[in-house]
Amino acid sequence: MINGAKRILLADDNANDLELTLTALAEHNLANSVVVARDGAEVLDYLYRGGAFESREEGNPDVVLLDLKMPKVDGLEVLKRVKSDPKLKTIPIVVLSSSPEERDIAASYSLGVNAYVVKSVDYGEFVRALKEVGLFWGVINATPSNTSC
């Protein structure tokens, strides 16, 4: 485990993408504290300590890795809610999406996303991208201490 690694909330409904992401993070010792949400409603439950997450430890994740195309509540709606909430808006959110569409990228940035990464279909490229995302957002980036949620 890398010293200083932080809590990551990984939101993706695709089992293959989840497995690849978790494997890539683990290969680079970045999966020490990853919580998985399989739809947007679970993301919001985690952040607001509701549903299955009502007894989780206090504090926000240090970064959210967010897929856009999810059931129940899509990633753009999650992004909108998080960035409009004063208690959550400082949480860095990195979109990990298979969509290279300009409208998705523009919509994400207009809602306050911190980074947008297009998932590569090439496993090696995907792993390299996740390593860089994980190292920066999960280790290097400094976040404010926030235990309000």
N, C-alpha and C. Protein backbone atom coordinates (compact mmCIF):
# COMPACT_ATOMS: atom_id res chain seq x y z
N MET A 1 0.84 -1.18 0.00
CA MET A 1 0.00 0.00 0.00
C MET A 1 0.88 1.24 0.00
N ILE A 2 0.51 2.21 -0.78
CA ILE A 2 1.24 3.46 -0.84
C ILE A 2 0.84 4.30 0.36
N ASN A 3 1.82 4.85 1.07
CA ASN A 3 1.50 5.72 2.20
C ASN A 3 0.71 6.91 1.72
N GLY A 4 -0.30 7.27 2.50
CA GLY A 4 -1.10 8.43 2.14
C GLY A 4 -2.24 8.12 1.19
N ALA A 5 -2.41 6.86 0.78
CA ALA A 5 -3.50 6.51 -0.10
C ALA A 5 -4.82 6.83 0.60
N LYS A 6 -5.80 7.25 -0.17
CA LYS A 6 -7.03 7.77 0.38
C LYS A 6 -8.23 6.92 0.00
N ARG A 7 -9.37 7.29 0.57
CA ARG A 7 -10.62 6.57 0.32
C ARG A 7 -11.18 6.95 -1.05
N ILE A 8 -11.46 5.94 -1.86
CA ILE A 8 -11.97 6.13 -3.21
C ILE A 8 -13.38 5.55 -3.29
N LEU A 9 -14.31 6.31 -3.84
CA LEU A 9 -15.65 5.80 -4.14
C LEU A 9 -15.70 5.55 -5.64
N LEU A 10 -15.85 4.29 -6.02
CA LEU A 10 -15.88 3.88 -7.42
C LEU A 10 -17.31 3.56 -7.81
N ALA A 11 -17.84 4.29 -8.78
CA ALA A 11 -19.23 4.12 -9.20
C ALA A 11 -19.29 3.65 -10.64
N ASP A 12 -19.72 2.40 -10.82
CA ASP A 12 -19.83 1.83 -12.16
C ASP A 12 -20.77 0.63 -12.09
N ASP A 13 -21.67 0.51 -13.05
CA ASP A 13 -22.61 -0.60 -13.06
C ASP A 13 -22.14 -1.76 -13.93
N ASN A 14 -21.07 -1.58 -14.69
CA ASN A 14 -20.58 -2.62 -15.59
C ASN A 14 -19.60 -3.52 -14.85
N ALA A 15 -19.97 -4.79 -14.67
CA ALA A 15 -19.14 -5.73 -13.90
C ALA A 15 -17.74 -5.87 -14.48
N ASN A 16 -17.62 -5.90 -15.80
CA ASN A 16 -16.29 -6.02 -16.42
C ASN A 16 -15.43 -4.79 -16.15
N ASP A 17 -16.02 -3.61 -16.30
CA ASP A 17 -15.29 -2.38 -16.03
C ASP A 17 -14.89 -2.27 -14.57
N LEU A 18 -15.79 -2.70 -13.67
CA LEU A 18 -15.46 -2.70 -12.24
C LEU A 18 -14.27 -3.59 -11.96
N GLU A 19 -14.32 -4.80 -12.50
CA GLU A 19 -13.24 -5.75 -12.28
C GLU A 19 -11.92 -5.21 -12.81
N LEU A 20 -11.93 -4.67 -14.03
CA LEU A 20 -10.71 -4.11 -14.61
C LEU A 20 -10.19 -2.93 -13.78
N THR A 21 -11.09 -2.08 -13.35
CA THR A 21 -10.68 -0.91 -12.56
C THR A 21 -10.09 -1.34 -11.23
N LEU A 22 -10.77 -2.23 -10.53
CA LEU A 22 -10.25 -2.70 -9.24
C LEU A 22 -8.92 -3.43 -9.40
N THR A 23 -8.80 -4.22 -10.46
CA THR A 23 -7.54 -4.92 -10.72
C THR A 23 -6.42 -3.93 -11.01
N ALA A 24 -6.70 -2.94 -11.84
CA ALA A 24 -5.69 -1.94 -12.18
C ALA A 24 -5.26 -1.16 -10.94
N LEU A 25 -6.21 -0.78 -10.11
CA LEU A 25 -5.87 -0.06 -8.88
C LEU A 25 -5.06 -0.94 -7.94
N ALA A 26 -5.45 -2.21 -7.83
CA ALA A 26 -4.72 -3.14 -6.96
C ALA A 26 -3.30 -3.39 -7.46
N GLU A 27 -3.13 -3.49 -8.76
CA GLU A 27 -1.80 -3.72 -9.33
C GLU A 27 -0.83 -2.61 -8.97
N HIS A 28 -1.37 -1.45 -8.67
CA HIS A 28 -0.53 -0.30 -8.33
C HIS A 28 -0.73 0.13 -6.88
N ASN A 29 -1.22 -0.83 -6.06
CA ASN A 29 -1.38 -0.60 -4.62
C ASN A 29 -2.24 0.62 -4.30
N LEU A 30 -3.27 0.82 -5.09
CA LEU A 30 -4.16 1.97 -4.88
C LEU A 30 -5.55 1.56 -4.44
N ALA A 31 -5.78 0.26 -4.25
CA ALA A 31 -7.12 -0.21 -3.94
C ALA A 31 -7.31 -0.49 -2.46
N ASN A 32 -6.52 0.18 -1.63
CA ASN A 32 -6.58 -0.10 -0.20
C ASN A 32 -7.92 0.25 0.42
N SER A 33 -8.57 1.26 -0.10
CA SER A 33 -9.82 1.68 0.49
C SER A 33 -10.79 2.13 -0.60
N VAL A 34 -11.24 1.17 -1.39
CA VAL A 34 -12.18 1.47 -2.46
C VAL A 34 -13.56 0.95 -2.07
N VAL A 35 -14.53 1.82 -2.15
CA VAL A 35 -15.93 1.44 -1.93
C VAL A 35 -16.58 1.45 -3.30
N VAL A 36 -17.33 0.40 -3.61
CA VAL A 36 -17.98 0.27 -4.91
C VAL A 36 -19.47 0.58 -4.79
N ALA A 37 -19.94 1.42 -5.70
CA ALA A 37 -21.37 1.69 -5.84
C ALA A 37 -21.74 1.28 -7.26
N ARG A 38 -22.82 0.51 -7.40
CA ARG A 38 -23.17 -0.05 -8.71
C ARG A 38 -24.26 0.74 -9.45
N ASP A 39 -24.72 1.81 -8.85
CA ASP A 39 -25.65 2.71 -9.54
C ASP A 39 -25.60 4.07 -8.85
N GLY A 40 -26.19 5.05 -9.49
CA GLY A 40 -26.14 6.40 -8.95
C GLY A 40 -26.83 6.56 -7.61
N ALA A 41 -27.89 5.78 -7.38
CA ALA A 41 -28.58 5.85 -6.09
C ALA A 41 -27.66 5.38 -4.97
N GLU A 42 -26.85 4.35 -5.22
CA GLU A 42 -25.89 3.89 -4.21
C GLU A 42 -24.82 4.94 -3.94
N VAL A 43 -24.40 5.66 -4.97
CA VAL A 43 -23.43 6.74 -4.78
C VAL A 43 -24.01 7.76 -3.81
N LEU A 44 -25.23 8.19 -4.07
CA LEU A 44 -25.87 9.19 -3.21
C LEU A 44 -26.11 8.65 -1.81
N ASP A 45 -26.51 7.37 -1.68
CA ASP A 45 -26.67 6.76 -0.36
C ASP A 45 -25.34 6.78 0.40
N TYR A 46 -24.26 6.45 -0.29
CA TYR A 46 -22.95 6.46 0.36
C TYR A 46 -22.61 7.87 0.84
N LEU A 47 -22.74 8.84 -0.05
CA LEU A 47 -22.35 10.20 0.29
C LEU A 47 -23.20 10.80 1.40
N TYR A 48 -24.49 10.46 1.42
CA TYR A 48 -25.39 11.00 2.43
C TYR A 48 -25.61 10.04 3.60
N ARG A 49 -24.86 8.94 3.62
CA ARG A 49 -24.92 7.94 4.69
C ARG A 49 -26.35 7.44 4.87
N GLY A 50 -26.93 7.01 3.75
CA GLY A 50 -28.28 6.47 3.77
C GLY A 50 -28.30 5.02 3.32
N GLY A 51 -29.46 4.41 3.38
CA GLY A 51 -29.61 3.03 2.91
C GLY A 51 -28.60 2.10 3.55
N ALA A 52 -27.96 1.28 2.74
CA ALA A 52 -26.97 0.32 3.23
C ALA A 52 -25.73 0.98 3.83
N PHE A 53 -25.58 2.28 3.63
CA PHE A 53 -24.38 2.99 4.10
C PHE A 53 -24.63 3.87 5.32
N GLU A 54 -25.81 3.75 5.95
CA GLU A 54 -26.11 4.66 7.05
C GLU A 54 -25.18 4.49 8.25
N SER A 55 -24.55 3.34 8.38
CA SER A 55 -23.64 3.15 9.52
C SER A 55 -22.16 3.22 9.12
N ARG A 56 -21.89 3.68 7.90
CA ARG A 56 -20.48 3.78 7.49
C ARG A 56 -19.78 4.84 8.32
N GLU A 57 -18.46 4.77 8.35
CA GLU A 57 -17.71 5.78 9.10
C GLU A 57 -17.94 7.16 8.51
N GLU A 58 -17.79 8.15 9.36
CA GLU A 58 -17.99 9.53 8.91
C GLU A 58 -16.88 9.95 7.96
N GLY A 59 -17.16 11.00 7.22
CA GLY A 59 -16.18 11.56 6.31
C GLY A 59 -16.51 11.26 4.86
N ASN A 60 -16.06 12.16 4.02
CA ASN A 60 -16.28 12.01 2.58
C ASN A 60 -15.13 11.23 1.95
N PRO A 61 -15.40 10.61 0.81
CA PRO A 61 -14.28 10.00 0.08
C PRO A 61 -13.35 11.10 -0.40
N ASP A 62 -12.12 10.73 -0.65
CA ASP A 62 -11.15 11.71 -1.14
C ASP A 62 -11.28 11.93 -2.62
N VAL A 63 -11.90 10.99 -3.31
CA VAL A 63 -12.17 11.13 -4.74
C VAL A 63 -13.30 10.17 -5.11
N VAL A 64 -14.10 10.58 -6.08
CA VAL A 64 -15.15 9.72 -6.64
C VAL A 64 -14.77 9.46 -8.09
N LEU A 65 -14.68 8.19 -8.46
CA LEU A 65 -14.49 7.78 -9.85
C LEU A 65 -15.87 7.40 -10.35
N LEU A 66 -16.42 8.19 -11.26
CA LEU A 66 -17.84 8.14 -11.60
C LEU A 66 -18.08 7.80 -13.06
N ASP A 67 -18.84 6.74 -13.30
CA ASP A 67 -19.30 6.42 -14.64
C ASP A 67 -20.53 7.28 -14.91
N LEU A 68 -20.75 7.65 -16.16
CA LEU A 68 -21.91 8.47 -16.49
C LEU A 68 -23.17 7.65 -16.72
N LYS A 69 -23.04 6.53 -17.38
CA LYS A 69 -24.21 5.74 -17.78
C LYS A 69 -24.49 4.67 -16.73
N MET A 70 -25.31 5.05 -15.73
CA MET A 70 -25.66 4.13 -14.65
C MET A 70 -27.16 4.11 -14.45
N PRO A 71 -27.68 3.00 -13.91
CA PRO A 71 -29.12 2.93 -13.65
C PRO A 71 -29.52 3.75 -12.43
N LYS A 72 -30.80 3.90 -12.27
CA LYS A 72 -31.48 4.61 -11.18
C LYS A 72 -31.21 6.11 -11.23
N VAL A 73 -29.97 6.52 -11.04
CA VAL A 73 -29.59 7.93 -11.13
C VAL A 73 -28.33 7.97 -11.98
N ASP A 74 -28.37 8.68 -13.11
CA ASP A 74 -27.18 8.67 -13.97
C ASP A 74 -26.07 9.53 -13.40
N GLY A 75 -24.88 9.37 -13.94
CA GLY A 75 -23.71 10.06 -13.44
C GLY A 75 -23.81 11.57 -13.49
N LEU A 76 -24.42 12.11 -14.53
CA LEU A 76 -24.57 13.57 -14.62
C LEU A 76 -25.46 14.11 -13.50
N GLU A 77 -26.50 13.38 -13.17
CA GLU A 77 -27.37 13.81 -12.06
C GLU A 77 -26.63 13.70 -10.73
N VAL A 78 -25.85 12.65 -10.55
CA VAL A 78 -25.04 12.52 -9.33
C VAL A 78 -24.08 13.71 -9.25
N LEU A 79 -23.41 13.99 -10.34
CA LEU A 79 -22.46 15.10 -10.39
C LEU A 79 -23.15 16.42 -10.03
N LYS A 80 -24.32 16.63 -10.61
CA LYS A 80 -25.08 17.86 -10.35
C LYS A 80 -25.43 17.99 -8.87
N ARG A 81 -25.90 16.91 -8.27
CA ARG A 81 -26.30 16.95 -6.86
C ARG A 81 -25.09 17.17 -5.94
N VAL A 82 -24.02 16.47 -6.22
CA VAL A 82 -22.83 16.58 -5.37
C VAL A 82 -22.24 17.99 -5.45
N LYS A 83 -22.09 18.50 -6.65
CA LYS A 83 -21.45 19.81 -6.81
C LYS A 83 -22.34 20.97 -6.39
N SER A 84 -23.65 20.71 -6.18
CA SER A 84 -24.54 21.78 -5.70
C SER A 84 -24.75 21.71 -4.19
N ASP A 85 -24.15 20.72 -3.54
CA ASP A 85 -24.30 20.57 -2.09
C ASP A 85 -23.05 21.13 -1.40
N PRO A 86 -23.22 22.15 -0.56
CA PRO A 86 -22.06 22.76 0.10
C PRO A 86 -21.21 21.78 0.91
N LYS A 87 -21.83 20.72 1.43
CA LYS A 87 -21.09 19.74 2.23
C LYS A 87 -20.31 18.75 1.37
N LEU A 88 -20.65 18.66 0.09
CA LEU A 88 -20.02 17.66 -0.78
C LEU A 88 -19.24 18.25 -1.93
N LYS A 89 -19.48 19.51 -2.27
CA LYS A 89 -18.97 20.07 -3.52
C LYS A 89 -17.45 20.08 -3.65
N THR A 90 -16.72 19.98 -2.55
CA THR A 90 -15.26 19.97 -2.65
C THR A 90 -14.69 18.58 -2.94
N ILE A 91 -15.53 17.55 -2.94
CA ILE A 91 -15.04 16.20 -3.25
C ILE A 91 -14.63 16.17 -4.72
N PRO A 92 -13.39 15.82 -5.02
CA PRO A 92 -13.00 15.69 -6.42
C PRO A 92 -13.77 14.55 -7.09
N ILE A 93 -14.28 14.82 -8.27
CA ILE A 93 -14.97 13.79 -9.04
C ILE A 93 -14.28 13.66 -10.39
N VAL A 94 -13.90 12.43 -10.69
CA VAL A 94 -13.28 12.10 -11.97
C VAL A 94 -14.25 11.19 -12.71
N VAL A 95 -14.71 11.64 -13.86
CA VAL A 95 -15.58 10.81 -14.68
C VAL A 95 -14.69 9.81 -15.43
N LEU A 96 -15.05 8.53 -15.31
CA LEU A 96 -14.44 7.46 -16.10
C LEU A 96 -15.55 6.93 -16.98
N SER A 97 -15.53 7.31 -18.24
CA SER A 97 -16.63 6.99 -19.13
C SER A 97 -16.14 6.40 -20.44
N SER A 98 -16.95 5.55 -21.01
CA SER A 98 -16.63 5.03 -22.34
C SER A 98 -17.05 6.03 -23.43
N SER A 99 -17.72 7.11 -23.02
CA SER A 99 -18.22 8.09 -23.97
C SER A 99 -17.19 9.18 -24.26
N PRO A 100 -16.75 9.25 -25.52
CA PRO A 100 -15.88 10.36 -25.92
C PRO A 100 -16.69 11.53 -26.49
N GLU A 101 -18.01 11.47 -26.33
CA GLU A 101 -18.90 12.47 -26.91
C GLU A 101 -18.66 13.85 -26.29
N GLU A 102 -18.51 14.84 -27.15
CA GLU A 102 -18.28 16.21 -26.70
C GLU A 102 -19.39 16.68 -25.77
N ARG A 103 -20.63 16.32 -26.04
CA ARG A 103 -21.74 16.78 -25.20
C ARG A 103 -21.62 16.23 -23.77
N ASP A 104 -21.14 14.98 -23.61
CA ASP A 104 -20.96 14.41 -22.28
C ASP A 104 -19.80 15.09 -21.55
N ILE A 105 -18.73 15.34 -22.28
CA ILE A 105 -17.57 16.00 -21.68
C ILE A 105 -17.95 17.42 -21.26
N ALA A 106 -18.60 18.16 -22.16
CA ALA A 106 -19.00 19.54 -21.87
C ALA A 106 -19.99 19.59 -20.71
N ALA A 107 -20.96 18.69 -20.70
CA ALA A 107 -21.95 18.67 -19.62
C ALA A 107 -21.27 18.37 -18.29
N SER A 108 -20.32 17.45 -18.29
CA SER A 108 -19.61 17.11 -17.05
C SER A 108 -18.84 18.30 -16.51
N TYR A 109 -18.12 18.99 -17.38
CA TYR A 109 -17.36 20.15 -16.93
C TYR A 109 -18.26 21.30 -16.50
N SER A 110 -19.38 21.47 -17.18
CA SER A 110 -20.29 22.55 -16.78
C SER A 110 -20.91 22.28 -15.41
N LEU A 111 -20.96 21.02 -15.01
CA LEU A 111 -21.50 20.67 -13.69
C LEU A 111 -20.41 20.62 -12.62
N GLY A 112 -19.15 20.81 -13.01
CA GLY A 112 -18.10 20.91 -12.01
C GLY A 112 -17.18 19.72 -11.86
N VAL A 113 -17.17 18.81 -12.84
CA VAL A 113 -16.27 17.66 -12.74
C VAL A 113 -14.82 18.15 -12.68
N ASN A 114 -13.98 17.39 -11.99
CA ASN A 114 -12.57 17.77 -11.86
C ASN A 114 -11.70 17.19 -12.97
N ALA A 115 -12.12 16.09 -13.55
CA ALA A 115 -11.39 15.48 -14.67
C ALA A 115 -12.33 14.52 -15.38
N TYR A 116 -12.06 14.31 -16.66
CA TYR A 116 -12.88 13.42 -17.49
C TYR A 116 -11.92 12.51 -18.24
N VAL A 117 -12.02 11.21 -18.00
CA VAL A 117 -11.15 10.23 -18.62
C VAL A 117 -12.00 9.26 -19.44
N VAL A 118 -11.67 9.15 -20.72
CA VAL A 118 -12.38 8.19 -21.58
C VAL A 118 -11.73 6.83 -21.38
N LYS A 119 -12.57 5.83 -21.05
CA LYS A 119 -12.07 4.47 -20.85
C LYS A 119 -11.56 3.93 -22.18
N SER A 120 -10.35 3.47 -22.17
CA SER A 120 -9.76 2.88 -23.37
C SER A 120 -10.20 1.43 -23.50
N VAL A 121 -10.38 0.97 -24.74
CA VAL A 121 -10.70 -0.44 -24.95
C VAL A 121 -9.44 -1.29 -24.89
N ASP A 122 -8.28 -0.66 -24.98
CA ASP A 122 -7.00 -1.36 -24.85
C ASP A 122 -6.67 -1.50 -23.37
N TYR A 123 -6.53 -2.74 -22.89
CA TYR A 123 -6.31 -2.98 -21.47
C TYR A 123 -5.07 -2.26 -20.94
N GLY A 124 -3.98 -2.31 -21.67
CA GLY A 124 -2.74 -1.65 -21.23
C GLY A 124 -2.92 -0.15 -21.06
N GLU A 125 -3.59 0.48 -22.02
CA GLU A 125 -3.84 1.92 -21.93
C GLU A 125 -4.78 2.23 -20.76
N PHE A 126 -5.79 1.37 -20.58
CA PHE A 126 -6.74 1.55 -19.49
C PHE A 126 -6.03 1.49 -18.14
N VAL A 127 -5.15 0.50 -17.98
CA VAL A 127 -4.41 0.34 -16.73
C VAL A 127 -3.49 1.55 -16.50
N ARG A 128 -2.80 1.99 -17.53
CA ARG A 128 -1.92 3.16 -17.39
C ARG A 128 -2.71 4.40 -16.99
N ALA A 129 -3.85 4.60 -17.62
CA ALA A 129 -4.68 5.77 -17.28
C ALA A 129 -5.15 5.70 -15.83
N LEU A 130 -5.59 4.51 -15.40
CA LEU A 130 -6.05 4.37 -14.02
C LEU A 130 -4.92 4.55 -13.03
N LYS A 131 -3.74 4.09 -13.39
CA LYS A 131 -2.59 4.29 -12.50
C LYS A 131 -2.36 5.78 -12.29
N GLU A 132 -2.36 6.54 -13.38
CA GLU A 132 -2.13 7.97 -13.27
C GLU A 132 -3.26 8.67 -12.52
N VAL A 133 -4.50 8.30 -12.82
CA VAL A 133 -5.65 8.88 -12.12
C VAL A 133 -5.57 8.53 -10.63
N GLY A 134 -5.32 7.25 -10.35
CA GLY A 134 -5.25 6.80 -8.96
C GLY A 134 -4.13 7.45 -8.19
N LEU A 135 -2.96 7.53 -8.79
CA LEU A 135 -1.83 8.16 -8.10
C LEU A 135 -2.09 9.63 -7.81
N PHE A 136 -2.60 10.35 -8.81
CA PHE A 136 -2.82 11.78 -8.59
C PHE A 136 -3.95 12.02 -7.59
N TRP A 137 -5.15 11.50 -7.90
CA TRP A 137 -6.32 11.82 -7.08
C TRP A 137 -6.36 11.04 -5.78
N GLY A 138 -5.77 9.84 -5.76
CA GLY A 138 -5.83 9.01 -4.57
C GLY A 138 -4.65 9.14 -3.65
N VAL A 139 -3.55 9.75 -4.11
CA VAL A 139 -2.36 9.85 -3.28
C VAL A 139 -1.82 11.27 -3.23
N ILE A 140 -1.54 11.86 -4.38
CA ILE A 140 -0.84 13.14 -4.44
C ILE A 140 -1.74 14.32 -4.10
N ASN A 141 -2.94 14.35 -4.66
CA ASN A 141 -3.84 15.49 -4.48
C ASN A 141 -4.20 15.69 -3.00
N ALA A 142 -4.09 16.92 -2.53
CA ALA A 142 -4.48 17.25 -1.16
C ALA A 142 -5.95 17.67 -1.15
N THR A 143 -6.69 17.14 -0.20
CA THR A 143 -8.10 17.50 -0.06
C THR A 143 -8.34 18.05 1.34
N PRO A 144 -9.35 18.89 1.48
CA PRO A 144 -9.63 19.43 2.83
C PRO A 144 -10.17 18.35 3.75
N SER A 145 -9.84 18.46 5.02
CA SER A 145 -10.41 17.54 5.99
C SER A 145 -11.88 17.88 6.12
N ASN A 146 -12.72 16.88 5.85
CA ASN A 146 -14.15 17.13 5.88
C ASN A 146 -14.83 15.91 6.42
N THR A 147 -15.38 16.00 7.59
CA THR A 147 -16.10 14.89 8.20
C THR A 147 -17.56 15.22 8.43
N SER A 148 -18.09 16.12 7.63
CA SER A 148 -19.47 16.57 7.83
C SER A 148 -20.51 15.56 7.39
N CYS A 149 -20.16 14.60 6.54
CA CYS A 149 -21.15 13.62 6.09
C CYS A 149 -20.76 12.24 6.53
